[in-house]
Amino acid sequence: MIRTPLAFIPYLLALAAVCGGLLWHLGDEAAPGHTQAYGRADIGGPFVLVDQNGVRRTEKDFLGKFQLIYFGYTHCPDVCPLTLSVMAGALEKLGESADHIEPVFITVDPARDRPKILKDYVASFGTRFTALTGSSEEIARVTREYRVYVEREPAANGGYAVNHSSRIYLMDPDGRFVGVYDETLGPDGLAKALRARL
């Protein structure tokens, strides 16, 4: 019988752990549906929607400026108005630099958020915002393009709420994804982050 000196046991255990991790990784890569991405995140894409003035708009209308895009809805009780306030405050703090940024609010509740409703809503946050809506299919398409989670939840009063991810997307003047932020930054933090990108 061969006896392994006790001093080598920790090294053998470490070697076994490394080999196990390598096999696990290789197994994951061979699994169906596994994809590995490098470089720029695949977020954003073409859309055709209607703005708060009833005008058809596409992603091409916003090229040439950075776009600060947020998905939400007008019946949202808390995080949506807070986030739009943070965006508006950050743009105010940027001064003239804010002229290079187009803030865009896209509804995730097209059944209730028609152009007139959106126009009144975004006016509460200043004059800079473009608000967009569309058919259920058009909104579903753009939320998929931006990887936005959306789920309707029935409410006790017979209505509904819309659960959704709450992220602020920054797209560059060519419409390519740059980064993502949230309302916890506050106006100062978001302004600082945006200034670094301009």
N, C-alpha and C. Protein backbone atom coordinates (compact mmCIF):
# COMPACT_ATOMS: atom_id res chain seq x y z
N MET A 1 0.84 -1.19 0.00
CA MET A 1 0.00 0.00 0.00
C MET A 1 0.88 1.25 0.00
N ILE A 2 0.54 2.20 -0.90
CA ILE A 2 1.32 3.44 -1.00
C ILE A 2 0.71 4.47 -0.07
N ARG A 3 1.52 5.06 0.75
CA ARG A 3 1.04 6.09 1.67
C ARG A 3 1.45 7.47 1.17
N THR A 4 0.49 8.36 1.13
CA THR A 4 0.76 9.74 0.71
C THR A 4 1.15 10.56 1.91
N PRO A 5 2.30 11.21 1.86
CA PRO A 5 2.71 12.05 3.00
C PRO A 5 1.64 13.10 3.28
N LEU A 6 1.35 13.35 4.53
CA LEU A 6 0.31 14.32 4.93
C LEU A 6 0.56 15.71 4.38
N ALA A 7 1.81 16.06 4.15
CA ALA A 7 2.14 17.41 3.67
C ALA A 7 1.57 17.67 2.28
N PHE A 8 1.34 16.59 1.48
CA PHE A 8 0.85 16.78 0.12
C PHE A 8 -0.68 16.86 0.02
N ILE A 9 -1.38 16.54 1.09
CA ILE A 9 -2.84 16.49 1.04
C ILE A 9 -3.46 17.83 0.65
N PRO A 10 -3.04 18.97 1.23
CA PRO A 10 -3.64 20.25 0.81
C PRO A 10 -3.45 20.55 -0.68
N TYR A 11 -2.26 20.16 -1.22
CA TYR A 11 -2.00 20.41 -2.63
C TYR A 11 -2.88 19.53 -3.52
N LEU A 12 -3.07 18.28 -3.11
CA LEU A 12 -3.94 17.38 -3.87
C LEU A 12 -5.39 17.87 -3.86
N LEU A 13 -5.84 18.38 -2.71
CA LEU A 13 -7.20 18.92 -2.62
C LEU A 13 -7.36 20.14 -3.52
N ALA A 14 -6.36 21.01 -3.54
CA ALA A 14 -6.41 22.20 -4.39
C ALA A 14 -6.44 21.81 -5.87
N LEU A 15 -5.61 20.80 -6.24
CA LEU A 15 -5.58 20.34 -7.62
C LEU A 15 -6.94 19.76 -8.02
N ALA A 16 -7.56 19.00 -7.11
CA ALA A 16 -8.87 18.41 -7.39
C ALA A 16 -9.92 19.50 -7.59
N ALA A 17 -9.85 20.58 -6.78
CA ALA A 17 -10.80 21.69 -6.90
C ALA A 17 -10.65 22.40 -8.24
N VAL A 18 -9.40 22.63 -8.67
CA VAL A 18 -9.15 23.29 -9.95
C VAL A 18 -9.67 22.44 -11.11
N CYS A 19 -9.38 21.14 -11.06
CA CYS A 19 -9.85 20.25 -12.12
C CYS A 19 -11.38 20.20 -12.16
N GLY A 20 -12.00 20.16 -10.99
CA GLY A 20 -13.46 20.13 -10.93
C GLY A 20 -14.07 21.40 -11.52
N GLY A 21 -13.48 22.55 -11.17
CA GLY A 21 -13.97 23.82 -11.72
C GLY A 21 -13.82 23.90 -13.22
N LEU A 22 -12.69 23.39 -13.74
CA LEU A 22 -12.47 23.40 -15.19
C LEU A 22 -13.50 22.53 -15.89
N LEU A 23 -13.74 21.33 -15.35
CA LEU A 23 -14.74 20.44 -15.96
C LEU A 23 -16.14 21.06 -15.93
N TRP A 24 -16.48 21.73 -14.83
CA TRP A 24 -17.78 22.40 -14.71
C TRP A 24 -17.93 23.46 -15.80
N HIS A 25 -16.86 24.28 -15.95
CA HIS A 25 -16.88 25.35 -16.95
C HIS A 25 -17.04 24.79 -18.35
N LEU A 26 -16.29 23.74 -18.67
CA LEU A 26 -16.39 23.13 -19.99
C LEU A 26 -17.78 22.55 -20.22
N GLY A 27 -18.36 21.98 -19.18
CA GLY A 27 -19.71 21.43 -19.29
C GLY A 27 -20.72 22.51 -19.56
N ASP A 28 -20.57 23.69 -18.91
CA ASP A 28 -21.48 24.80 -19.15
C ASP A 28 -21.40 25.29 -20.58
N GLU A 29 -20.17 25.37 -21.11
CA GLU A 29 -20.00 25.86 -22.48
C GLU A 29 -20.61 24.90 -23.49
N ALA A 30 -20.61 23.61 -23.16
CA ALA A 30 -21.16 22.62 -24.08
C ALA A 30 -22.68 22.51 -23.96
N ALA A 31 -23.26 23.12 -22.93
CA ALA A 31 -24.69 22.99 -22.70
C ALA A 31 -25.48 23.70 -23.79
N PRO A 32 -26.64 23.14 -24.17
CA PRO A 32 -27.47 23.80 -25.19
C PRO A 32 -27.89 25.20 -24.74
N GLY A 33 -27.87 26.13 -25.66
CA GLY A 33 -28.31 27.49 -25.35
C GLY A 33 -27.26 28.35 -24.70
N HIS A 34 -26.07 27.81 -24.45
CA HIS A 34 -25.03 28.61 -23.81
C HIS A 34 -24.44 29.58 -24.83
N THR A 35 -24.37 30.85 -24.48
CA THR A 35 -23.71 31.82 -25.33
C THR A 35 -22.72 32.60 -24.50
N GLN A 36 -21.67 33.02 -25.12
CA GLN A 36 -20.67 33.81 -24.43
C GLN A 36 -20.45 35.07 -25.24
N ALA A 37 -20.65 36.21 -24.63
CA ALA A 37 -20.57 37.48 -25.35
C ALA A 37 -19.35 38.27 -24.92
N TYR A 38 -18.78 38.97 -25.85
CA TYR A 38 -17.65 39.84 -25.57
C TYR A 38 -17.97 41.22 -26.12
N GLY A 39 -17.40 42.25 -25.52
CA GLY A 39 -17.56 43.59 -26.05
C GLY A 39 -18.84 44.27 -25.60
N ARG A 40 -19.42 45.08 -26.48
CA ARG A 40 -20.58 45.92 -26.17
C ARG A 40 -21.84 45.09 -25.93
N ALA A 41 -22.61 45.46 -24.91
CA ALA A 41 -23.86 44.76 -24.60
C ALA A 41 -24.87 44.98 -25.72
N ASP A 42 -25.65 43.95 -26.01
CA ASP A 42 -26.65 44.02 -27.08
C ASP A 42 -27.95 44.56 -26.50
N ILE A 43 -28.00 45.86 -26.29
CA ILE A 43 -29.17 46.53 -25.73
C ILE A 43 -29.57 47.67 -26.65
N GLY A 44 -30.88 47.77 -26.92
CA GLY A 44 -31.37 48.81 -27.80
C GLY A 44 -31.63 48.26 -29.20
N GLY A 45 -32.29 49.06 -30.00
CA GLY A 45 -32.60 48.63 -31.36
C GLY A 45 -33.65 49.52 -31.97
N PRO A 46 -34.07 49.16 -33.17
CA PRO A 46 -35.05 49.99 -33.88
C PRO A 46 -36.43 49.95 -33.23
N PHE A 47 -37.15 51.05 -33.33
CA PHE A 47 -38.53 51.10 -32.85
C PHE A 47 -39.31 52.15 -33.64
N VAL A 48 -40.63 51.98 -33.64
CA VAL A 48 -41.54 52.99 -34.19
C VAL A 48 -42.62 53.19 -33.13
N LEU A 49 -42.66 54.38 -32.53
CA LEU A 49 -43.60 54.68 -31.46
C LEU A 49 -44.24 56.05 -31.72
N VAL A 50 -45.07 56.49 -30.80
CA VAL A 50 -45.76 57.79 -30.93
C VAL A 50 -45.39 58.65 -29.73
N ASP A 51 -45.03 59.92 -29.97
CA ASP A 51 -44.65 60.78 -28.86
C ASP A 51 -45.88 61.45 -28.24
N GLN A 52 -45.63 62.29 -27.23
CA GLN A 52 -46.73 62.91 -26.47
C GLN A 52 -47.54 63.90 -27.30
N ASN A 53 -47.02 64.23 -28.49
CA ASN A 53 -47.76 65.13 -29.38
C ASN A 53 -48.46 64.37 -30.52
N GLY A 54 -48.43 63.04 -30.44
CA GLY A 54 -49.08 62.24 -31.46
C GLY A 54 -48.26 62.03 -32.72
N VAL A 55 -46.97 62.36 -32.67
CA VAL A 55 -46.10 62.25 -33.84
C VAL A 55 -45.36 60.91 -33.80
N ARG A 56 -45.35 60.20 -34.95
CA ARG A 56 -44.61 58.94 -35.03
C ARG A 56 -43.12 59.22 -34.93
N ARG A 57 -42.44 58.46 -34.09
CA ARG A 57 -41.00 58.66 -33.88
C ARG A 57 -40.29 57.32 -33.99
N THR A 58 -39.08 57.33 -34.51
CA THR A 58 -38.25 56.13 -34.54
C THR A 58 -36.94 56.44 -33.83
N GLU A 59 -36.16 55.41 -33.63
CA GLU A 59 -34.86 55.59 -32.96
C GLU A 59 -33.97 56.54 -33.74
N LYS A 60 -34.18 56.66 -35.04
CA LYS A 60 -33.34 57.52 -35.87
C LYS A 60 -33.54 59.00 -35.55
N ASP A 61 -34.72 59.33 -35.01
CA ASP A 61 -35.00 60.73 -34.66
C ASP A 61 -34.10 61.23 -33.53
N PHE A 62 -33.52 60.32 -32.78
CA PHE A 62 -32.74 60.70 -31.61
C PHE A 62 -31.24 60.61 -31.83
N LEU A 63 -30.84 60.18 -33.01
CA LEU A 63 -29.42 60.08 -33.30
C LEU A 63 -28.79 61.48 -33.35
N GLY A 64 -27.54 61.55 -32.98
CA GLY A 64 -26.83 62.84 -32.94
C GLY A 64 -26.72 63.39 -31.53
N LYS A 65 -27.51 62.82 -30.61
CA LYS A 65 -27.43 63.20 -29.20
C LYS A 65 -27.34 61.92 -28.35
N PHE A 66 -26.82 62.06 -27.16
CA PHE A 66 -26.94 60.98 -26.20
C PHE A 66 -28.42 60.87 -25.83
N GLN A 67 -28.88 59.65 -25.58
CA GLN A 67 -30.26 59.46 -25.14
C GLN A 67 -30.25 58.85 -23.75
N LEU A 68 -30.99 59.45 -22.86
CA LEU A 68 -31.16 58.95 -21.50
C LEU A 68 -32.58 58.38 -21.44
N ILE A 69 -32.70 57.06 -21.45
CA ILE A 69 -33.99 56.41 -21.65
C ILE A 69 -34.45 55.70 -20.38
N TYR A 70 -35.71 55.94 -20.02
CA TYR A 70 -36.29 55.26 -18.86
C TYR A 70 -37.65 54.67 -19.24
N PHE A 71 -37.88 53.43 -18.80
CA PHE A 71 -39.15 52.75 -19.03
C PHE A 71 -39.96 52.76 -17.74
N GLY A 72 -41.21 53.23 -17.82
CA GLY A 72 -42.07 53.28 -16.64
C GLY A 72 -43.50 53.51 -17.07
N TYR A 73 -44.33 54.00 -16.15
CA TYR A 73 -45.72 54.28 -16.52
C TYR A 73 -46.31 55.33 -15.59
N THR A 74 -47.34 56.01 -16.06
CA THR A 74 -47.84 57.19 -15.35
C THR A 74 -48.58 56.85 -14.06
N HIS A 75 -49.10 55.62 -13.94
CA HIS A 75 -49.79 55.22 -12.71
C HIS A 75 -48.82 54.69 -11.65
N CYS A 76 -47.55 54.68 -11.96
CA CYS A 76 -46.53 54.20 -11.02
C CYS A 76 -46.51 55.10 -9.78
N PRO A 77 -46.65 54.53 -8.59
CA PRO A 77 -46.81 55.36 -7.40
C PRO A 77 -45.53 55.96 -6.84
N ASP A 78 -44.37 55.40 -7.18
CA ASP A 78 -43.18 55.85 -6.47
C ASP A 78 -41.91 55.93 -7.32
N VAL A 79 -41.42 54.78 -7.79
CA VAL A 79 -40.10 54.77 -8.40
C VAL A 79 -40.04 55.54 -9.72
N CYS A 80 -41.12 55.53 -10.50
CA CYS A 80 -41.10 56.25 -11.79
C CYS A 80 -40.99 57.76 -11.60
N PRO A 81 -41.88 58.37 -10.81
CA PRO A 81 -41.72 59.82 -10.63
C PRO A 81 -40.39 60.19 -9.97
N LEU A 82 -39.93 59.33 -9.06
CA LEU A 82 -38.63 59.61 -8.43
C LEU A 82 -37.51 59.59 -9.46
N THR A 83 -37.52 58.58 -10.31
CA THR A 83 -36.45 58.45 -11.31
C THR A 83 -36.48 59.59 -12.31
N LEU A 84 -37.66 59.97 -12.77
CA LEU A 84 -37.75 61.09 -13.71
C LEU A 84 -37.30 62.39 -13.05
N SER A 85 -37.57 62.53 -11.76
CA SER A 85 -37.10 63.72 -11.04
C SER A 85 -35.58 63.74 -10.95
N VAL A 86 -35.00 62.57 -10.73
CA VAL A 86 -33.53 62.46 -10.68
C VAL A 86 -32.94 62.82 -12.04
N MET A 87 -33.54 62.29 -13.11
CA MET A 87 -33.06 62.61 -14.46
C MET A 87 -33.16 64.11 -14.73
N ALA A 88 -34.31 64.70 -14.40
CA ALA A 88 -34.50 66.14 -14.64
C ALA A 88 -33.51 66.96 -13.82
N GLY A 89 -33.30 66.57 -12.56
CA GLY A 89 -32.35 67.28 -11.71
C GLY A 89 -30.92 67.18 -12.22
N ALA A 90 -30.55 65.99 -12.71
CA ALA A 90 -29.19 65.80 -13.25
C ALA A 90 -28.97 66.67 -14.48
N LEU A 91 -29.96 66.74 -15.36
CA LEU A 91 -29.83 67.56 -16.56
C LEU A 91 -29.73 69.04 -16.21
N GLU A 92 -30.46 69.45 -15.21
CA GLU A 92 -30.36 70.85 -14.77
C GLU A 92 -28.96 71.16 -14.25
N LYS A 93 -28.37 70.22 -13.53
CA LYS A 93 -27.04 70.43 -12.98
C LYS A 93 -25.96 70.44 -14.06
N LEU A 94 -26.25 69.80 -15.20
CA LEU A 94 -25.27 69.78 -16.30
C LEU A 94 -25.22 71.10 -17.06
N GLY A 95 -26.20 71.95 -16.87
CA GLY A 95 -26.20 73.24 -17.56
C GLY A 95 -26.27 73.07 -19.06
N GLU A 96 -25.41 73.80 -19.80
CA GLU A 96 -25.45 73.75 -21.26
C GLU A 96 -25.08 72.38 -21.81
N SER A 97 -24.33 71.60 -21.05
CA SER A 97 -23.96 70.26 -21.51
C SER A 97 -25.19 69.37 -21.70
N ALA A 98 -26.28 69.68 -20.99
CA ALA A 98 -27.50 68.89 -21.11
C ALA A 98 -28.11 68.99 -22.50
N ASP A 99 -27.69 70.01 -23.29
CA ASP A 99 -28.22 70.14 -24.65
C ASP A 99 -27.79 68.97 -25.53
N HIS A 100 -26.79 68.22 -25.10
CA HIS A 100 -26.30 67.07 -25.86
C HIS A 100 -27.01 65.78 -25.48
N ILE A 101 -28.00 65.87 -24.58
CA ILE A 101 -28.69 64.68 -24.07
C ILE A 101 -30.19 64.82 -24.29
N GLU A 102 -30.80 63.77 -24.82
CA GLU A 102 -32.25 63.73 -25.01
C GLU A 102 -32.84 62.76 -24.00
N PRO A 103 -33.59 63.26 -22.99
CA PRO A 103 -34.23 62.35 -22.04
C PRO A 103 -35.53 61.79 -22.63
N VAL A 104 -35.68 60.48 -22.55
CA VAL A 104 -36.82 59.81 -23.17
C VAL A 104 -37.51 58.91 -22.14
N PHE A 105 -38.82 59.05 -22.05
CA PHE A 105 -39.63 58.21 -21.17
C PHE A 105 -40.50 57.32 -22.05
N ILE A 106 -40.35 55.99 -21.94
CA ILE A 106 -41.14 55.05 -22.73
C ILE A 106 -42.07 54.30 -21.79
N THR A 107 -43.36 54.34 -22.07
CA THR A 107 -44.31 53.68 -21.19
C THR A 107 -44.26 52.17 -21.33
N VAL A 108 -44.53 51.48 -20.22
CA VAL A 108 -44.71 50.03 -20.25
C VAL A 108 -46.19 49.69 -20.06
N ASP A 109 -47.04 50.73 -20.13
CA ASP A 109 -48.49 50.57 -19.93
C ASP A 109 -49.24 51.29 -21.05
N PRO A 110 -49.10 50.79 -22.30
CA PRO A 110 -49.68 51.50 -23.43
C PRO A 110 -51.20 51.58 -23.41
N ALA A 111 -51.87 50.66 -22.70
CA ALA A 111 -53.33 50.67 -22.65
C ALA A 111 -53.85 51.94 -21.98
N ARG A 112 -53.12 52.44 -20.99
CA ARG A 112 -53.57 53.63 -20.27
C ARG A 112 -52.79 54.88 -20.66
N ASP A 113 -51.54 54.70 -21.04
CA ASP A 113 -50.68 55.86 -21.31
C ASP A 113 -50.72 56.27 -22.77
N ARG A 114 -51.78 56.96 -23.12
CA ARG A 114 -51.92 57.51 -24.46
C ARG A 114 -51.19 58.85 -24.52
N PRO A 115 -50.97 59.41 -25.72
CA PRO A 115 -50.17 60.63 -25.85
C PRO A 115 -50.56 61.78 -24.92
N LYS A 116 -51.85 62.08 -24.82
CA LYS A 116 -52.28 63.22 -23.97
C LYS A 116 -51.92 62.98 -22.51
N ILE A 117 -52.12 61.76 -22.03
CA ILE A 117 -51.76 61.42 -20.64
C ILE A 117 -50.27 61.61 -20.43
N LEU A 118 -49.46 61.12 -21.38
CA LEU A 118 -48.01 61.25 -21.28
C LEU A 118 -47.57 62.71 -21.32
N LYS A 119 -48.24 63.50 -22.15
CA LYS A 119 -47.87 64.91 -22.28
C LYS A 119 -48.04 65.64 -20.95
N ASP A 120 -49.16 65.41 -20.30
CA ASP A 120 -49.39 66.05 -18.99
C ASP A 120 -48.42 65.52 -17.94
N TYR A 121 -48.11 64.25 -18.03
CA TYR A 121 -47.25 63.62 -17.01
C TYR A 121 -45.81 64.15 -17.10
N VAL A 122 -45.21 64.09 -18.27
CA VAL A 122 -43.80 64.50 -18.36
C VAL A 122 -43.63 66.00 -18.21
N ALA A 123 -44.70 66.77 -18.43
CA ALA A 123 -44.60 68.22 -18.22
C ALA A 123 -44.28 68.54 -16.77
N SER A 124 -44.62 67.62 -15.87
CA SER A 124 -44.31 67.83 -14.45
C SER A 124 -42.81 67.81 -14.18
N PHE A 125 -42.05 67.29 -15.12
CA PHE A 125 -40.60 67.14 -14.92
C PHE A 125 -39.80 68.09 -15.81
N GLY A 126 -40.47 69.05 -16.40
CA GLY A 126 -39.78 70.02 -17.23
C GLY A 126 -40.15 69.86 -18.69
N THR A 127 -39.46 70.61 -19.53
CA THR A 127 -39.81 70.66 -20.95
C THR A 127 -38.89 69.81 -21.83
N ARG A 128 -37.91 69.17 -21.23
CA ARG A 128 -36.91 68.46 -22.02
C ARG A 128 -37.39 67.08 -22.51
N PHE A 129 -38.28 66.44 -21.77
CA PHE A 129 -38.59 65.03 -22.01
C PHE A 129 -39.42 64.79 -23.27
N THR A 130 -39.04 63.71 -23.96
CA THR A 130 -39.89 63.12 -24.98
C THR A 130 -40.49 61.87 -24.36
N ALA A 131 -41.82 61.73 -24.46
CA ALA A 131 -42.50 60.54 -23.94
C ALA A 131 -43.04 59.74 -25.12
N LEU A 132 -42.92 58.42 -25.04
CA LEU A 132 -43.30 57.56 -26.16
C LEU A 132 -44.26 56.46 -25.72
N THR A 133 -45.22 56.18 -26.58
CA THR A 133 -46.15 55.07 -26.38
C THR A 133 -46.36 54.40 -27.73
N GLY A 134 -47.26 53.42 -27.75
CA GLY A 134 -47.53 52.69 -28.99
C GLY A 134 -48.53 51.60 -28.72
N SER A 135 -48.66 50.68 -29.64
CA SER A 135 -49.52 49.53 -29.43
C SER A 135 -48.86 48.58 -28.44
N SER A 136 -49.63 47.63 -27.95
CA SER A 136 -49.06 46.64 -27.02
C SER A 136 -47.90 45.90 -27.68
N GLU A 137 -48.06 45.58 -28.97
CA GLU A 137 -47.00 44.85 -29.69
C GLU A 137 -45.75 45.72 -29.85
N GLU A 138 -45.94 47.00 -30.15
CA GLU A 138 -44.79 47.89 -30.33
C GLU A 138 -44.04 48.08 -29.02
N ILE A 139 -44.77 48.22 -27.93
CA ILE A 139 -44.12 48.37 -26.62
C ILE A 139 -43.43 47.08 -26.22
N ALA A 140 -44.06 45.95 -26.48
CA ALA A 140 -43.43 44.66 -26.16
C ALA A 140 -42.13 44.51 -26.93
N ARG A 141 -42.11 44.96 -28.17
CA ARG A 141 -40.90 44.85 -28.99
C ARG A 141 -39.77 45.71 -28.43
N VAL A 142 -40.07 46.95 -28.07
CA VAL A 142 -39.00 47.83 -27.58
C VAL A 142 -38.52 47.41 -26.20
N THR A 143 -39.41 46.87 -25.37
CA THR A 143 -38.95 46.40 -24.06
C THR A 143 -38.04 45.18 -24.22
N ARG A 144 -38.31 44.35 -25.23
CA ARG A 144 -37.40 43.22 -25.49
C ARG A 144 -36.04 43.73 -25.95
N GLU A 145 -36.06 44.74 -26.82
CA GLU A 145 -34.80 45.29 -27.34
C GLU A 145 -33.92 45.82 -26.21
N TYR A 146 -34.57 46.39 -25.18
CA TYR A 146 -33.81 46.99 -24.08
C TYR A 146 -33.72 46.07 -22.86
N ARG A 147 -34.18 44.84 -23.00
CA ARG A 147 -34.10 43.84 -21.92
C ARG A 147 -34.82 44.33 -20.65
N VAL A 148 -36.01 44.91 -20.84
CA VAL A 148 -36.78 45.44 -19.72
C VAL A 148 -37.77 44.38 -19.25
N TYR A 149 -37.74 44.10 -17.95
CA TYR A 149 -38.72 43.18 -17.36
C TYR A 149 -40.03 43.92 -17.16
N VAL A 150 -41.15 43.34 -17.64
CA VAL A 150 -42.48 43.95 -17.48
C VAL A 150 -43.48 42.84 -17.16
N GLU A 151 -44.27 43.04 -16.12
CA GLU A 151 -45.32 42.07 -15.78
C GLU A 151 -46.50 42.80 -15.15
N ARG A 152 -47.68 42.58 -15.72
CA ARG A 152 -48.89 43.18 -15.18
C ARG A 152 -49.36 42.37 -13.97
N GLU A 153 -49.75 43.09 -12.91
CA GLU A 153 -50.21 42.43 -11.68
C GLU A 153 -51.58 42.97 -11.29
N PRO A 154 -52.59 42.08 -11.18
CA PRO A 154 -53.94 42.55 -10.81
C PRO A 154 -53.92 43.22 -9.44
N ALA A 155 -54.72 44.27 -9.30
CA ALA A 155 -54.85 44.99 -8.03
C ALA A 155 -56.20 44.67 -7.39
N ALA A 156 -56.30 44.91 -6.10
CA ALA A 156 -57.52 44.57 -5.34
C ALA A 156 -58.73 45.35 -5.83
N ASN A 157 -58.52 46.54 -6.38
CA ASN A 157 -59.65 47.38 -6.81
C ASN A 157 -60.15 47.03 -8.21
N GLY A 158 -59.63 45.96 -8.77
CA GLY A 158 -60.04 45.56 -10.12
C GLY A 158 -59.15 46.11 -11.21
N GLY A 159 -58.26 47.02 -10.85
CA GLY A 159 -57.30 47.55 -11.81
C GLY A 159 -56.05 46.70 -11.87
N TYR A 160 -54.94 47.31 -12.16
CA TYR A 160 -53.69 46.56 -12.20
C TYR A 160 -52.51 47.51 -11.99
N ALA A 161 -51.41 46.91 -11.56
CA ALA A 161 -50.14 47.61 -11.49
C ALA A 161 -49.22 46.95 -12.51
N VAL A 162 -48.12 47.60 -12.83
CA VAL A 162 -47.16 47.03 -13.76
C VAL A 162 -45.81 46.95 -13.06
N ASN A 163 -45.38 45.73 -12.78
CA ASN A 163 -44.04 45.54 -12.24
C ASN A 163 -43.04 45.65 -13.39
N HIS A 164 -41.98 46.38 -13.16
CA HIS A 164 -41.00 46.55 -14.25
C HIS A 164 -39.63 46.84 -13.67
N SER A 165 -38.60 46.49 -14.44
CA SER A 165 -37.24 46.84 -14.01
C SER A 165 -37.08 48.35 -14.10
N SER A 166 -36.28 48.89 -13.21
CA SER A 166 -36.13 50.35 -13.14
C SER A 166 -34.67 50.72 -13.38
N ARG A 167 -34.35 50.96 -14.63
CA ARG A 167 -33.00 51.33 -15.01
C ARG A 167 -33.03 52.50 -15.97
N ILE A 168 -32.03 53.35 -15.88
CA ILE A 168 -31.87 54.47 -16.80
C ILE A 168 -30.78 54.07 -17.79
N TYR A 169 -31.14 53.99 -19.07
CA TYR A 169 -30.19 53.58 -20.10
C TYR A 169 -29.57 54.81 -20.75
N LEU A 170 -28.27 54.76 -20.95
CA LEU A 170 -27.59 55.81 -21.71
C LEU A 170 -27.14 55.22 -23.03
N MET A 171 -27.62 55.83 -24.12
CA MET A 171 -27.22 55.44 -25.46
C MET A 171 -26.39 56.57 -26.05
N ASP A 172 -25.40 56.22 -26.88
CA ASP A 172 -24.55 57.27 -27.43
C ASP A 172 -25.21 57.90 -28.67
N PRO A 173 -24.61 58.93 -29.24
CA PRO A 173 -25.23 59.62 -30.39
C PRO A 173 -25.46 58.74 -31.61
N ASP A 174 -24.80 57.58 -31.65
CA ASP A 174 -25.03 56.62 -32.73
C ASP A 174 -26.06 55.57 -32.36
N GLY A 175 -26.69 55.71 -31.18
CA GLY A 175 -27.71 54.78 -30.74
C GLY A 175 -27.18 53.51 -30.12
N ARG A 176 -25.90 53.51 -29.73
CA ARG A 176 -25.31 52.31 -29.13
C ARG A 176 -25.32 52.43 -27.61
N PHE A 177 -25.53 51.31 -26.96
CA PHE A 177 -25.59 51.27 -25.49
C PHE A 177 -24.26 51.69 -24.88
N VAL A 178 -24.34 52.59 -23.89
CA VAL A 178 -23.14 53.06 -23.19
C VAL A 178 -23.11 52.57 -21.76
N GLY A 179 -24.23 52.71 -21.04
CA GLY A 179 -24.24 52.31 -19.64
C GLY A 179 -25.64 52.37 -19.06
N VAL A 180 -25.75 51.95 -17.81
CA VAL A 180 -27.04 51.90 -17.14
C VAL A 180 -26.88 52.45 -15.73
N TYR A 181 -27.88 53.18 -15.27
CA TYR A 181 -27.86 53.81 -13.95
C TYR A 181 -29.19 53.58 -13.26
N ASP A 182 -29.29 53.96 -11.99
CA ASP A 182 -30.60 53.94 -11.34
C ASP A 182 -30.77 55.17 -10.47
N GLU A 183 -31.97 55.31 -9.94
CA GLU A 183 -32.34 56.54 -9.23
C GLU A 183 -31.58 56.74 -7.93
N THR A 184 -30.96 55.67 -7.40
CA THR A 184 -30.25 55.81 -6.13
C THR A 184 -29.03 56.72 -6.24
N LEU A 185 -28.58 56.99 -7.46
CA LEU A 185 -27.46 57.93 -7.64
C LEU A 185 -27.83 59.35 -7.21
N GLY A 186 -29.12 59.68 -7.34
CA GLY A 186 -29.55 61.04 -7.08
C GLY A 186 -29.12 61.96 -8.21
N PRO A 187 -29.62 63.17 -8.25
CA PRO A 187 -29.27 64.10 -9.33
C PRO A 187 -27.77 64.38 -9.43
N ASP A 188 -27.11 64.57 -8.29
CA ASP A 188 -25.67 64.87 -8.31
C ASP A 188 -24.87 63.71 -8.88
N GLY A 189 -25.17 62.50 -8.39
CA GLY A 189 -24.43 61.32 -8.86
C GLY A 189 -24.66 61.04 -10.33
N LEU A 190 -25.90 61.19 -10.77
CA LEU A 190 -26.18 60.95 -12.19
C LEU A 190 -25.52 62.01 -13.06
N ALA A 191 -25.57 63.26 -12.61
CA ALA A 191 -24.91 64.34 -13.37
C ALA A 191 -23.41 64.08 -13.50
N LYS A 192 -22.80 63.62 -12.43
CA LYS A 192 -21.37 63.31 -12.45
C LYS A 192 -21.07 62.19 -13.43
N ALA A 193 -21.89 61.14 -13.40
CA ALA A 193 -21.69 60.00 -14.31
C ALA A 193 -21.87 60.43 -15.75
N LEU A 194 -22.86 61.26 -16.02
CA LEU A 194 -23.10 61.71 -17.39
C LEU A 194 -21.99 62.63 -17.88
N ARG A 195 -21.53 63.50 -17.00
CA ARG A 195 -20.47 64.42 -17.39
C ARG A 195 -19.23 63.66 -17.82
N ALA A 196 -18.97 62.53 -17.18
CA ALA A 196 -17.79 61.72 -17.54
C ALA A 196 -17.94 61.09 -18.91
N ARG A 197 -19.19 60.96 -19.40
CA ARG A 197 -19.42 60.32 -20.69
C ARG A 197 -19.47 61.33 -21.84
N LEU A 198 -19.74 62.58 -21.54
CA LEU A 198 -19.93 63.58 -22.60
C LEU A 198 -18.60 64.00 -23.23
